[in-house]
Amino acid sequence: MSSVVLLIVLGALLMVALMLQGAFKNVYEEVQLLAVVDGDTLLVSNKHYPEGVQVHLIGIDAPELASETGDRDQYYARNAADFVRTKLRNSNKVFLEFDRERYNHRDQLLAYVYATKNGSSLKSLNAEMIQKGYARAVSQDPNVRYDKHFRKLENEARRRRLGIWRKG
């Protein structure tokens, strides 16, 4: 009897250790898109957030719309927001992947956002925004799972002078 209890305790400890080391990555949570706030912020809902919650895309910074800054739209802000609207409107399913911290100081969920169409493989919206020059890569410690990848994508977009990198 005591060996069964010991095995259960050891199994639980192993699971906790693996979780702390990030072994259970890529757990996706399906959501319904309610609105695109701007190029790096969405309003979504699901069973956990039936009233809706804002999601900020981890690892990117897209230009701000005037409604966010109270000023004029930043360069390429409309393009970035329109790209997100089109991309997610044409998707069948939208998923969130979380990193270490789930909320920022504005109580927005922090997530990597993925979209799929007709059973295709998941595509990272965060990565695509950077790759096509709609956003810059930003490190948001402790949520740094894809930092190196995002930096590579930004360097390539800069080199090719895509999107926000056209100017200057």
Protein backbone atom coordinates (compact mmCIF):
# COMPACT_ATOMS: atom_id res chain seq x y z
CA MET A 1 0.00 0.00 0.00
CA SER A 2 2.76 2.46 0.93
CA SER A 3 4.57 1.79 -2.37
CA VAL A 4 1.41 2.83 -4.29
CA VAL A 5 1.23 6.08 -2.33
CA LEU A 6 4.94 6.66 -2.94
CA LEU A 7 4.46 6.15 -6.70
CA ILE A 8 1.56 8.60 -6.76
CA VAL A 9 3.57 11.22 -4.86
CA LEU A 10 6.62 10.73 -7.11
CA GLY A 11 4.42 10.97 -10.21
CA ALA A 12 2.87 14.20 -8.96
CA LEU A 13 6.30 15.66 -8.15
CA LEU A 14 7.59 14.69 -11.60
CA MET A 15 4.61 16.37 -13.25
CA VAL A 16 5.17 19.58 -11.27
CA ALA A 17 8.89 19.55 -12.14
CA LEU A 18 8.13 19.09 -15.84
CA MET A 19 5.58 21.89 -15.76
CA LEU A 20 8.10 24.24 -14.14
CA GLN A 21 10.62 23.39 -16.85
CA GLY A 22 8.09 24.13 -19.59
CA ALA A 23 7.71 20.55 -20.79
CA PHE A 24 3.99 21.05 -21.37
CA LYS A 25 4.32 23.81 -23.95
CA ASN A 26 1.98 24.37 -26.84
CA VAL A 27 -1.28 23.84 -25.03
CA TYR A 28 -3.73 25.80 -27.14
CA GLU A 29 -6.98 27.36 -25.99
CA GLU A 30 -9.60 27.91 -28.69
CA VAL A 31 -11.33 31.31 -28.70
CA GLN A 32 -13.88 33.20 -30.77
CA LEU A 33 -12.76 36.52 -32.21
CA LEU A 34 -15.08 39.37 -31.20
CA ALA A 35 -13.03 42.30 -32.53
CA VAL A 36 -9.62 43.50 -33.61
CA VAL A 37 -8.67 46.44 -31.41
CA ASP A 38 -5.43 47.18 -33.28
CA GLY A 39 -2.48 45.35 -34.80
CA ASP A 40 -1.42 43.70 -31.55
CA THR A 41 -4.62 43.57 -29.49
CA LEU A 42 -7.75 41.44 -29.94
CA LEU A 43 -11.04 41.02 -28.12
CA VAL A 44 -11.93 37.32 -27.77
CA SER A 45 -14.31 35.08 -25.85
CA ASN A 46 -14.66 31.43 -24.87
CA LYS A 47 -16.01 29.40 -21.95
CA HIS A 48 -13.47 31.01 -19.58
CA TYR A 49 -14.19 34.55 -20.82
CA PRO A 50 -17.82 34.54 -22.03
CA GLU A 51 -18.07 38.35 -21.79
CA GLY A 52 -14.84 38.80 -23.73
CA VAL A 53 -11.30 39.69 -22.77
CA GLN A 54 -8.58 41.69 -24.50
CA VAL A 55 -5.56 39.73 -25.68
CA HIS A 56 -2.21 41.38 -26.32
CA LEU A 57 0.03 39.47 -28.72
CA ILE A 58 3.25 38.48 -26.93
CA GLY A 59 6.57 39.50 -28.43
CA ILE A 60 5.34 42.11 -30.87
CA ASP A 61 4.65 45.83 -30.97
CA ALA A 62 2.46 47.04 -33.82
CA PRO A 63 1.92 50.74 -34.59
CA GLU A 64 -0.89 52.29 -32.54
CA LEU A 65 -4.19 53.59 -33.91
CA ALA A 66 -5.31 57.11 -32.96
CA SER A 67 -8.00 55.71 -30.67
CA GLU A 68 -5.26 54.13 -28.56
CA THR A 69 -2.90 57.12 -28.44
CA GLY A 70 -5.33 60.04 -28.60
CA ASP A 71 -3.06 61.38 -31.32
CA ARG A 72 -2.82 60.55 -35.02
CA ASP A 73 -2.47 56.98 -36.24
CA GLN A 74 1.14 55.89 -36.14
CA TYR A 75 2.76 55.01 -39.46
CA TYR A 76 1.38 51.69 -40.76
CA ALA A 77 -1.16 51.30 -37.91
CA ARG A 78 -4.18 50.87 -40.23
CA ASN A 79 -2.27 48.41 -42.42
CA ALA A 80 -1.36 46.30 -39.37
CA ALA A 81 -4.91 46.28 -37.96
CA ASP A 82 -6.39 45.52 -41.40
CA PHE A 83 -3.97 42.62 -41.89
CA VAL A 84 -5.03 41.10 -38.55
CA ARG A 85 -8.75 41.56 -39.36
CA THR A 86 -8.38 39.91 -42.77
CA LYS A 87 -6.20 37.10 -41.48
CA LEU A 88 -8.51 36.20 -38.62
CA ARG A 89 -11.75 36.77 -40.54
CA ASN A 90 -10.55 34.24 -43.13
CA SER A 91 -9.69 31.66 -40.46
CA ASN A 92 -11.94 28.88 -39.24
CA LYS A 93 -10.41 28.68 -35.79
CA VAL A 94 -8.33 30.92 -33.55
CA PHE A 95 -6.19 29.60 -30.70
CA LEU A 96 -4.16 31.15 -27.90
CA GLU A 97 -0.89 29.79 -26.53
CA PHE A 98 0.30 31.15 -23.21
CA ASP A 99 3.80 31.64 -21.86
CA ARG A 100 4.89 32.18 -18.25
CA GLU A 101 2.79 35.28 -17.41
CA ARG A 102 -0.84 35.36 -18.50
CA TYR A 103 -1.74 39.02 -17.81
CA ASN A 104 -0.10 42.41 -18.26
CA HIS A 105 -0.53 45.55 -16.15
CA ARG A 106 -3.72 46.42 -18.11
CA ASP A 107 -5.33 43.06 -17.28
CA GLN A 108 -5.03 41.95 -20.90
CA LEU A 109 -4.32 38.29 -21.56
CA LEU A 110 -0.86 37.78 -23.02
CA ALA A 111 -0.74 35.13 -25.74
CA TYR A 112 0.70 33.86 -28.96
CA VAL A 113 -2.21 33.76 -31.42
CA TYR A 114 -2.66 31.05 -34.02
CA ALA A 115 -5.14 30.71 -36.84
CA THR A 116 -6.11 27.79 -39.02
CA LYS A 117 -8.24 27.51 -42.14
CA ASN A 118 -9.92 24.33 -43.35
CA GLY A 119 -7.80 22.08 -41.17
CA SER A 120 -4.48 23.58 -42.27
CA SER A 121 -1.61 23.68 -39.80
CA LEU A 122 -1.60 26.42 -37.18
CA LYS A 123 0.05 29.67 -38.25
CA SER A 124 1.46 32.09 -35.71
CA LEU A 125 -0.09 35.52 -36.13
CA ASN A 126 2.62 37.02 -33.90
CA ALA A 127 5.37 35.66 -36.16
CA GLU A 128 3.58 36.60 -39.37
CA MET A 129 3.08 40.19 -38.19
CA ILE A 130 6.83 40.53 -37.67
CA GLN A 131 7.79 38.61 -40.81
CA LYS A 132 5.65 40.84 -43.05
CA GLY A 133 6.72 44.08 -41.40
CA TYR A 134 3.46 44.91 -39.62
CA ALA A 135 5.12 44.84 -36.18
CA ARG A 136 8.50 44.89 -34.50
CA ALA A 137 9.79 42.17 -32.21
CA VAL A 138 9.90 43.12 -28.53
CA SER A 139 11.11 41.07 -25.62
CA GLN A 140 8.46 40.85 -22.88
CA ASP A 141 10.23 39.08 -20.04
CA PRO A 142 9.35 36.51 -18.70
CA ASN A 143 7.37 35.64 -21.87
CA VAL A 144 10.36 34.99 -24.11
CA ARG A 145 9.67 31.55 -25.60
CA TYR A 146 10.00 32.73 -29.22
CA ASP A 147 12.27 35.78 -28.79
CA LYS A 148 15.16 34.45 -30.90
CA HIS A 149 12.82 33.39 -33.69
CA PHE A 150 11.00 36.74 -33.65
CA ARG A 151 14.32 38.66 -33.77
CA LYS A 152 15.38 36.67 -36.84
CA LEU A 153 12.07 37.45 -38.54
CA GLU A 154 12.42 41.15 -37.75
CA ASN A 155 15.98 41.28 -39.09
CA GLU A 156 14.80 39.72 -42.34
CA ALA A 157 11.83 42.13 -42.64
CA ARG A 158 14.17 45.07 -42.00
CA ARG A 159 16.63 43.78 -44.60
CA ARG A 160 13.82 43.46 -47.16
CA ARG A 161 12.36 46.87 -46.09
CA LEU A 162 8.88 45.45 -45.54
CA GLY A 163 5.98 47.32 -43.95
CA ILE A 164 7.08 49.57 -41.10
CA TRP A 165 10.69 49.22 -42.28
CA ARG A 166 9.98 50.95 -45.65
CA LYS A 167 10.59 54.37 -44.14
CA GLY A 168 14.07 55.64 -43.40
